[in-house]
Amino acid sequence: MVIKVLGTGCPKCQKLYSNVAEALEISGKSAEVIKITDLAQIMAYKVMSMPALVIDEKVVSSGQVLKSDTIATLL
């Protein structure tokens, strides 16, 4: 599983990244977690608001910081 956090590095983006790490611990699953900060790469996902969360190349959230338990259910 590959999880990508899309964002420019703002506090909300950093919080989403840490929530993803917590969600992996909660669910007991492992995944490669990648931060994408390059705007050209972010635009390739057609995301208009950040932060965004991509799981296995599917955008599952944009414009909000999901809580750890919510992310865990998405995994």
PDB file of N, CA and C in Angstrom:
ATOM      1  N   MET A   1       0.851  -1.167   0.000  1.00  0.00           N
ATOM      2  CA  MET A   1       0.000   0.000   0.000  1.00  0.00           C
ATOM      3  C   MET A   1       0.901   1.236   0.000  1.00  0.00           C
ATOM      4  N   VAL A   2       0.528   2.225  -0.798  1.00  0.00           N
ATOM      5  CA  VAL A   2       1.251   3.485  -0.865  1.00  0.00           C
ATOM      6  C   VAL A   2       0.281   4.606  -0.513  1.00  0.00           C
ATOM      7  N   ILE A   3       0.658   5.407   0.472  1.00  0.00           N
ATOM      8  CA  ILE A   3      -0.161   6.533   0.914  1.00  0.00           C
ATOM      9  C   ILE A   3       0.620   7.812   0.636  1.00  0.00           C
ATOM     10  N   LYS A   4      -0.049   8.769   0.004  1.00  0.00           N
ATOM     11  CA  LYS A   4       0.595  10.047  -0.292  1.00  0.00           C
ATOM     12  C   LYS A   4      -0.177  11.173   0.375  1.00  0.00           C
ATOM     13  N   VAL A   5       0.569  12.057   1.015  1.00  0.00           N
ATOM     14  CA  VAL A   5       0.001  13.264   1.602  1.00  0.00           C
ATOM     15  C   VAL A   5       0.424  14.413   0.689  1.00  0.00           C
ATOM     16  N   LEU A   6      -0.567  15.046   0.077  1.00  0.00           N
ATOM     17  CA  LEU A   6      -0.294  16.138  -0.847  1.00  0.00           C
ATOM     18  C   LEU A   6      -0.464  17.472  -0.131  1.00  0.00           C
ATOM     19  N   GLY A   7       0.550  18.328  -0.242  1.00  0.00           N
ATOM     20  CA  GLY A   7       0.454  19.641   0.375  1.00  0.00           C
ATOM     21  C   GLY A   7       1.778  20.371   0.320  1.00  0.00           C
ATOM     22  N   THR A   8       1.729  21.634   0.628  1.00  0.00           N
ATOM     23  CA  THR A   8       2.915  22.480   0.517  1.00  0.00           C
ATOM     24  C   THR A   8       3.790  22.475   1.765  1.00  0.00           C
ATOM     25  N   GLY A   9       3.411  21.746   2.766  1.00  0.00           N
ATOM     26  CA  GLY A   9       4.184  21.703   4.002  1.00  0.00           C
ATOM     27  C   GLY A   9       3.607  22.566   5.108  1.00  0.00           C
ATOM     28  N   CYS A  10       2.388  23.023   4.934  1.00  0.00           N
ATOM     29  CA  CYS A  10       1.725  23.848   5.940  1.00  0.00           C
ATOM     30  C   CYS A  10       1.427  23.017   7.198  1.00  0.00           C
ATOM     31  N   PRO A  11       1.073  23.667   8.296  1.00  0.00           N
ATOM     32  CA  PRO A  11       0.765  22.915   9.527  1.00  0.00           C
ATOM     33  C   PRO A  11      -0.335  21.866   9.341  1.00  0.00           C
ATOM     34  N   LYS A  12      -1.351  22.162   8.543  1.00  0.00           N
ATOM     35  CA  LYS A  12      -2.418  21.178   8.314  1.00  0.00           C
ATOM     36  C   LYS A  12      -1.874  19.961   7.580  1.00  0.00           C
ATOM     37  N   CYS A  13      -0.982  20.181   6.624  1.00  0.00           N
ATOM     38  CA  CYS A  13      -0.384  19.080   5.877  1.00  0.00           C
ATOM     39  C   CYS A  13       0.461  18.206   6.802  1.00  0.00           C
ATOM     40  N   GLN A  14       1.210  18.844   7.684  1.00  0.00           N
ATOM     41  CA  GLN A  14       2.033  18.111   8.635  1.00  0.00           C
ATOM     42  C   GLN A  14       1.172  17.307   9.606  1.00  0.00           C
ATOM     43  N   LYS A  15       0.055  17.879  10.014  1.00  0.00           N
ATOM     44  CA  LYS A  15      -0.855  17.178  10.931  1.00  0.00           C
ATOM     45  C   LYS A  15      -1.463  15.960  10.245  1.00  0.00           C
ATOM     46  N   LEU A  16      -1.853  16.109   8.978  1.00  0.00           N
ATOM     47  CA  LEU A  16      -2.401  14.972   8.242  1.00  0.00           C
ATOM     48  C   LEU A  16      -1.362  13.860   8.131  1.00  0.00           C
ATOM     49  N   TYR A  17      -0.115  14.230   7.878  1.00  0.00           N
ATOM     50  CA  TYR A  17       0.962  13.247   7.781  1.00  0.00           C
ATOM     51  C   TYR A  17       1.114  12.481   9.102  1.00  0.00           C
ATOM     52  N   SER A  18       1.098  13.200  10.218  1.00  0.00           N
ATOM     53  CA  SER A  18       1.225  12.520  11.516  1.00  0.00           C
ATOM     54  C   SER A  18      -0.005  11.672  11.824  1.00  0.00           C
ATOM     55  N   ASN A  19      -1.191  12.128  11.400  1.00  0.00           N
ATOM     56  CA  ASN A  19      -2.402  11.329  11.594  1.00  0.00           C
ATOM     57  C   ASN A  19      -2.356  10.033  10.779  1.00  0.00           C
ATOM     58  N   VAL A  20      -1.739  10.083   9.616  1.00  0.00           N
ATOM     59  CA  VAL A  20      -1.579   8.867   8.809  1.00  0.00           C
ATOM     60  C   VAL A  20      -0.702   7.867   9.562  1.00  0.00           C
ATOM     61  N   ALA A  21       0.384   8.343  10.151  1.00  0.00           N
ATOM     62  CA  ALA A  21       1.266   7.462  10.926  1.00  0.00           C
ATOM     63  C   ALA A  21       0.516   6.832  12.099  1.00  0.00           C
ATOM     64  N   GLU A  22      -0.295   7.631  12.791  1.00  0.00           N
ATOM     65  CA  GLU A  22      -1.100   7.099  13.903  1.00  0.00           C
ATOM     66  C   GLU A  22      -2.110   6.074  13.400  1.00  0.00           C
ATOM     67  N   ALA A  23      -2.717   6.346  12.261  1.00  0.00           N
ATOM     68  CA  ALA A  23      -3.717   5.433  11.696  1.00  0.00           C
ATOM     69  C   ALA A  23      -3.088   4.089  11.353  1.00  0.00           C
ATOM     70  N   LEU A  24      -1.878   4.116  10.856  1.00  0.00           N
ATOM     71  CA  LEU A  24      -1.191   2.856  10.545  1.00  0.00           C
ATOM     72  C   LEU A  24      -0.937   2.055  11.816  1.00  0.00           C
ATOM     73  N   GLU A  25      -0.593   2.744  12.895  1.00  0.00           N
ATOM     74  CA  GLU A  25      -0.395   2.066  14.176  1.00  0.00           C
ATOM     75  C   GLU A  25      -1.709   1.479  14.682  1.00  0.00           C
ATOM     76  N   ILE A  26      -2.775   2.254  14.603  1.00  0.00           N
ATOM     77  CA  ILE A  26      -4.093   1.810  15.066  1.00  0.00           C
ATOM     78  C   ILE A  26      -4.550   0.567  14.303  1.00  0.00           C
ATOM     79  N   SER A  27      -4.386   0.606  12.992  1.00  0.00           N
ATOM     80  CA  SER A  27      -4.892  -0.483  12.149  1.00  0.00           C
ATOM     81  C   SER A  27      -3.955  -1.684  12.109  1.00  0.00           C
ATOM     82  N   GLY A  28      -2.710  -1.480  12.502  1.00  0.00           N
ATOM     83  CA  GLY A  28      -1.745  -2.573  12.455  1.00  0.00           C
ATOM     84  C   GLY A  28      -1.255  -2.871  11.055  1.00  0.00           C
ATOM     85  N   LYS A  29      -1.513  -1.973  10.132  1.00  0.00           N
ATOM     86  CA  LYS A  29      -1.093  -2.168   8.744  1.00  0.00           C
ATOM     87  C   LYS A  29       0.200  -1.408   8.486  1.00  0.00           C
ATOM     88  N   SER A  30       0.873  -1.817   7.424  1.00  0.00           N
ATOM     89  CA  SER A  30       2.086  -1.103   7.042  1.00  0.00           C
ATOM     90  C   SER A  30       1.907  -0.548   5.637  1.00  0.00           C
ATOM     91  N   ALA A  31       2.550   0.578   5.392  1.00  0.00           N
ATOM     92  CA  ALA A  31       2.444   1.214   4.096  1.00  0.00           C
ATOM     93  C   ALA A  31       3.625   2.147   3.898  1.00  0.00           C
ATOM     94  N   GLU A  32       3.895   2.444   2.658  1.00  0.00           N
ATOM     95  CA  GLU A  32       4.880   3.460   2.336  1.00  0.00           C
ATOM     96  C   GLU A  32       4.141   4.794   2.344  1.00  0.00           C
ATOM     97  N   VAL A  33       4.617   5.739   3.158  1.00  0.00           N
ATOM     98  CA  VAL A  33       3.973   7.054   3.267  1.00  0.00           C
ATOM     99  C   VAL A  33       4.906   8.092   2.644  1.00  0.00           C
ATOM    100  N   ILE A  34       4.370   8.828   1.670  1.00  0.00           N
ATOM    101  CA  ILE A  34       5.164   9.792   0.918  1.00  0.00           C
ATOM    102  C   ILE A  34       4.526  11.170   1.030  1.00  0.00           C
ATOM    103  N   LYS A  35       5.364  12.174   1.289  1.00  0.00           N
ATOM    104  CA  LYS A  35       4.904  13.563   1.256  1.00  0.00           C
ATOM    105  C   LYS A  35       5.175  14.103  -0.145  1.00  0.00           C
ATOM    106  N   ILE A  36       4.159  14.678  -0.765  1.00  0.00           N
ATOM    107  CA  ILE A  36       4.304  15.299  -2.075  1.00  0.00           C
ATOM    108  C   ILE A  36       4.108  16.807  -1.892  1.00  0.00           C
ATOM    109  N   THR A  37       5.164  17.573  -2.145  1.00  0.00           N
ATOM    110  CA  THR A  37       5.077  19.022  -1.986  1.00  0.00           C
ATOM    111  C   THR A  37       5.213  19.758  -3.315  1.00  0.00           C
ATOM    112  N   ASP A  38       5.613  19.057  -4.356  1.00  0.00           N
ATOM    113  CA  ASP A  38       5.780  19.671  -5.670  1.00  0.00           C
ATOM    114  C   ASP A  38       4.415  19.963  -6.294  1.00  0.00           C
ATOM    115  N   LEU A  39       4.173  21.239  -6.616  1.00  0.00           N
ATOM    116  CA  LEU A  39       2.849  21.634  -7.116  1.00  0.00           C
ATOM    117  C   LEU A  39       2.484  20.945  -8.426  1.00  0.00           C
ATOM    118  N   ALA A  40       3.455  20.684  -9.286  1.00  0.00           N
ATOM    119  CA  ALA A  40       3.161  20.002 -10.550  1.00  0.00           C
ATOM    120  C   ALA A  40       2.655  18.588 -10.286  1.00  0.00           C
ATOM    121  N   GLN A  41       3.261  17.895  -9.339  1.00  0.00           N
ATOM    122  CA  GLN A  41       2.814  16.544  -8.988  1.00  0.00           C
ATOM    123  C   GLN A  41       1.438  16.576  -8.323  1.00  0.00           C
ATOM    124  N   ILE A  42       1.213  17.576  -7.477  1.00  0.00           N
ATOM    125  CA  ILE A  42      -0.086  17.706  -6.806  1.00  0.00           C
ATOM    126  C   ILE A  42      -1.183  17.965  -7.829  1.00  0.00           C
ATOM    127  N   MET A  43      -0.919  18.838  -8.786  1.00  0.00           N
ATOM    128  CA  MET A  43      -1.915  19.165  -9.816  1.00  0.00           C
ATOM    129  C   MET A  43      -2.248  17.960 -10.697  1.00  0.00           C
ATOM    130  N   ALA A  44      -1.331  17.023 -10.805  1.00  0.00           N
ATOM    131  CA  ALA A  44      -1.599  15.809 -11.583  1.00  0.00           C
ATOM    132  C   ALA A  44      -2.743  15.007 -10.978  1.00  0.00           C
ATOM    133  N   TYR A  45      -2.988  15.176  -9.691  1.00  0.00           N
ATOM    134  CA  TYR A  45      -4.104  14.492  -9.019  1.00  0.00           C
ATOM    135  C   TYR A  45      -5.394  15.305  -9.097  1.00  0.00           C
ATOM    136  N   LYS A  46      -5.338  16.463  -9.736  1.00  0.00           N
ATOM    137  CA  LYS A  46      -6.508  17.340  -9.907  1.00  0.00           C
ATOM    138  C   LYS A  46      -7.125  17.729  -8.566  1.00  0.00           C
ATOM    139  N   VAL A  47      -6.266  17.992  -7.606  1.00  0.00           N
ATOM    140  CA  VAL A  47      -6.687  18.411  -6.267  1.00  0.00           C
ATOM    141  C   VAL A  47      -6.642  19.930  -6.218  1.00  0.00           C
ATOM    142  N   MET A  48      -7.748  20.533  -5.818  1.00  0.00           N
ATOM    143  CA  MET A  48      -7.825  21.992  -5.773  1.00  0.00           C
ATOM    144  C   MET A  48      -7.591  22.564  -4.377  1.00  0.00           C
ATOM    145  N   SER A  49      -7.769  21.765  -3.340  1.00  0.00           N
ATOM    146  CA  SER A  49      -7.530  22.247  -1.989  1.00  0.00           C
ATOM    147  C   SER A  49      -6.681  21.234  -1.233  1.00  0.00           C
ATOM    148  N   MET A  50      -5.833  21.763  -0.383  1.00  0.00           N
ATOM    149  CA  MET A  50      -4.912  20.903   0.347  1.00  0.00           C
ATOM    150  C   MET A  50      -5.099  21.088   1.838  1.00  0.00           C
ATOM    151  N   PRO A  51      -4.726  20.123   2.624  1.00  0.00           N
ATOM    152  CA  PRO A  51      -4.009  18.908   2.254  1.00  0.00           C
ATOM    153  C   PRO A  51      -4.937  17.884   1.614  1.00  0.00           C
ATOM    154  N   ALA A  52      -4.323  16.956   0.910  1.00  0.00           N
ATOM    155  CA  ALA A  52      -5.087  15.878   0.288  1.00  0.00           C
ATOM    156  C   ALA A  52      -4.431  14.553   0.651  1.00  0.00           C
ATOM    157  N   LEU A  53      -5.253  13.514   0.656  1.00  0.00           N
ATOM    158  CA  LEU A  53      -4.773  12.181   0.992  1.00  0.00           C
ATOM    159  C   LEU A  53      -5.062  11.242  -0.169  1.00  0.00           C
ATOM    160  N   VAL A  54      -4.025  10.532  -0.602  1.00  0.00           N
ATOM    161  CA  VAL A  54      -4.140   9.591  -1.715  1.00  0.00           C
ATOM    162  C   VAL A  54      -3.724   8.219  -1.204  1.00  0.00           C
ATOM    163  N   ILE A  55      -4.602   7.234  -1.384  1.00  0.00           N
ATOM    164  CA  ILE A  55      -4.294   5.858  -1.004  1.00  0.00           C
ATOM    165  C   ILE A  55      -4.332   5.010  -2.260  1.00  0.00           C
ATOM    166  N   ASP A  56      -3.191   4.382  -2.570  1.00  0.00           N
ATOM    167  CA  ASP A  56      -3.066   3.558  -3.772  1.00  0.00           C
ATOM    168  C   ASP A  56      -3.589   4.279  -5.015  1.00  0.00           C
ATOM    169  N   GLU A  57      -3.122   5.520  -5.193  1.00  0.00           N
ATOM    170  CA  GLU A  57      -3.422   6.356  -6.357  1.00  0.00           C
ATOM    171  C   GLU A  57      -4.880   6.818  -6.456  1.00  0.00           C
ATOM    172  N   LYS A  58      -5.649   6.685  -5.387  1.00  0.00           N
ATOM    173  CA  LYS A  58      -7.018   7.177  -5.364  1.00  0.00           C
ATOM    174  C   LYS A  58      -7.114   8.309  -4.336  1.00  0.00           C
ATOM    175  N   VAL A  59      -7.570   9.471  -4.768  1.00  0.00           N
ATOM    176  CA  VAL A  59      -7.747  10.601  -3.853  1.00  0.00           C
ATOM    177  C   VAL A  59      -8.953  10.303  -2.960  1.00  0.00           C
ATOM    178  N   VAL A  60      -8.711  10.205  -1.659  1.00  0.00           N
ATOM    179  CA  VAL A  60      -9.793   9.882  -0.726  1.00  0.00           C
ATOM    180  C   VAL A  60     -10.230  11.087   0.103  1.00  0.00           C
ATOM    181  N   SER A  61      -9.426  12.162   0.078  1.00  0.00           N
ATOM    182  CA  SER A  61      -9.775  13.347   0.849  1.00  0.00           C
ATOM    183  C   SER A  61      -8.991  14.542   0.321  1.00  0.00           C
ATOM    184  N   SER A  62      -9.641  15.705   0.337  1.00  0.00           N
ATOM    185  CA  SER A  62      -8.910  16.931   0.018  1.00  0.00           C
ATOM    186  C   SER A  62      -9.528  18.094   0.778  1.00  0.00           C
ATOM    187  N   GLY A  63      -8.668  19.003   1.193  1.00  0.00           N
ATOM    188  CA  GLY A  63      -9.131  20.195   1.880  1.00  0.00           C
ATOM    189  C   GLY A  63      -9.460  20.038   3.341  1.00  0.00           C
ATOM    190  N   GLN A  64      -9.145  18.876   3.915  1.00  0.00           N
ATOM    191  CA  GLN A  64      -9.428  18.690   5.338  1.00  0.00           C
ATOM    192  C   GLN A  64      -8.385  17.775   5.968  1.00  0.00           C
ATOM    193  N   VAL A  65      -8.254  17.912   7.271  1.00  0.00           N
ATOM    194  CA  VAL A  65      -7.331  17.070   8.028  1.00  0.00           C
ATOM    195  C   VAL A  65      -8.161  15.961   8.670  1.00  0.00           C
ATOM    196  N   LEU A  66      -8.051  14.780   8.106  1.00  0.00           N
ATOM    197  CA  LEU A  66      -8.803  13.646   8.651  1.00  0.00           C
ATOM    198  C   LEU A  66      -8.189  13.190   9.969  1.00  0.00           C
ATOM    199  N   LYS A  67      -9.035  12.729  10.863  1.00  0.00           N
ATOM    200  CA  LYS A  67      -8.563  12.197  12.139  1.00  0.00           C
ATOM    201  C   LYS A  67      -7.986  10.804  11.916  1.00  0.00           C
ATOM    202  N   SER A  68      -7.152  10.372  12.842  1.00  0.00           N
ATOM    203  CA  SER A  68      -6.468   9.088  12.721  1.00  0.00           C
ATOM    204  C   SER A  68      -7.427   7.918  12.579  1.00  0.00           C
ATOM    205  N   ASP A  69      -8.503   7.911  13.376  1.00  0.00           N
ATOM    206  CA  ASP A  69      -9.440   6.782  13.314  1.00  0.00           C
ATOM    207  C   ASP A  69     -10.187   6.755  11.990  1.00  0.00           C
ATOM    208  N   THR A  70     -10.450   7.922  11.408  1.00  0.00           N
ATOM    209  CA  THR A  70     -11.103   7.977  10.108  1.00  0.00           C
ATOM    210  C   THR A  70     -10.185   7.420   9.030  1.00  0.00           C
ATOM    211  N   ILE A  71      -8.921   7.794   9.099  1.00  0.00           N
ATOM    212  CA  ILE A  71      -7.937   7.282   8.134  1.00  0.00           C
ATOM    213  C   ILE A  71      -7.809   5.772   8.272  1.00  0.00           C
ATOM    214  N   ALA A  72      -7.807   5.288   9.503  1.00  0.00           N
ATOM    215  CA  ALA A  72      -7.681   3.847   9.747  1.00  0.00           C
ATOM    216  C   ALA A  72      -8.804   3.069   9.082  1.00  0.00           C
ATOM    217  N   THR A  73     -10.013   3.613   9.081  1.00  0.00           N
ATOM    218  CA  THR A  73     -11.128   2.920   8.430  1.00  0.00           C
ATOM    219  C   THR A  73     -10.977   2.921   6.915  1.00  0.00           C
ATOM    220  N   LEU A  74     -10.317   3.947   6.374  1.00  0.00           N
ATOM    221  CA  LEU A  74     -10.086   4.014   4.930  1.00  0.00           C
ATOM    222  C   LEU A  74      -9.025   3.019   4.468  1.00  0.00           C
ATOM    223  N   LEU A  75      -8.151   2.648   5.386  1.00  0.00           N
ATOM    224  CA  LEU A  75      -7.091   1.712   5.024  1.00  0.00           C
ATOM    225  C   LEU A  75      -7.655   0.322   4.846  1.00  0.00           C
TER     226      LEU A  75
END
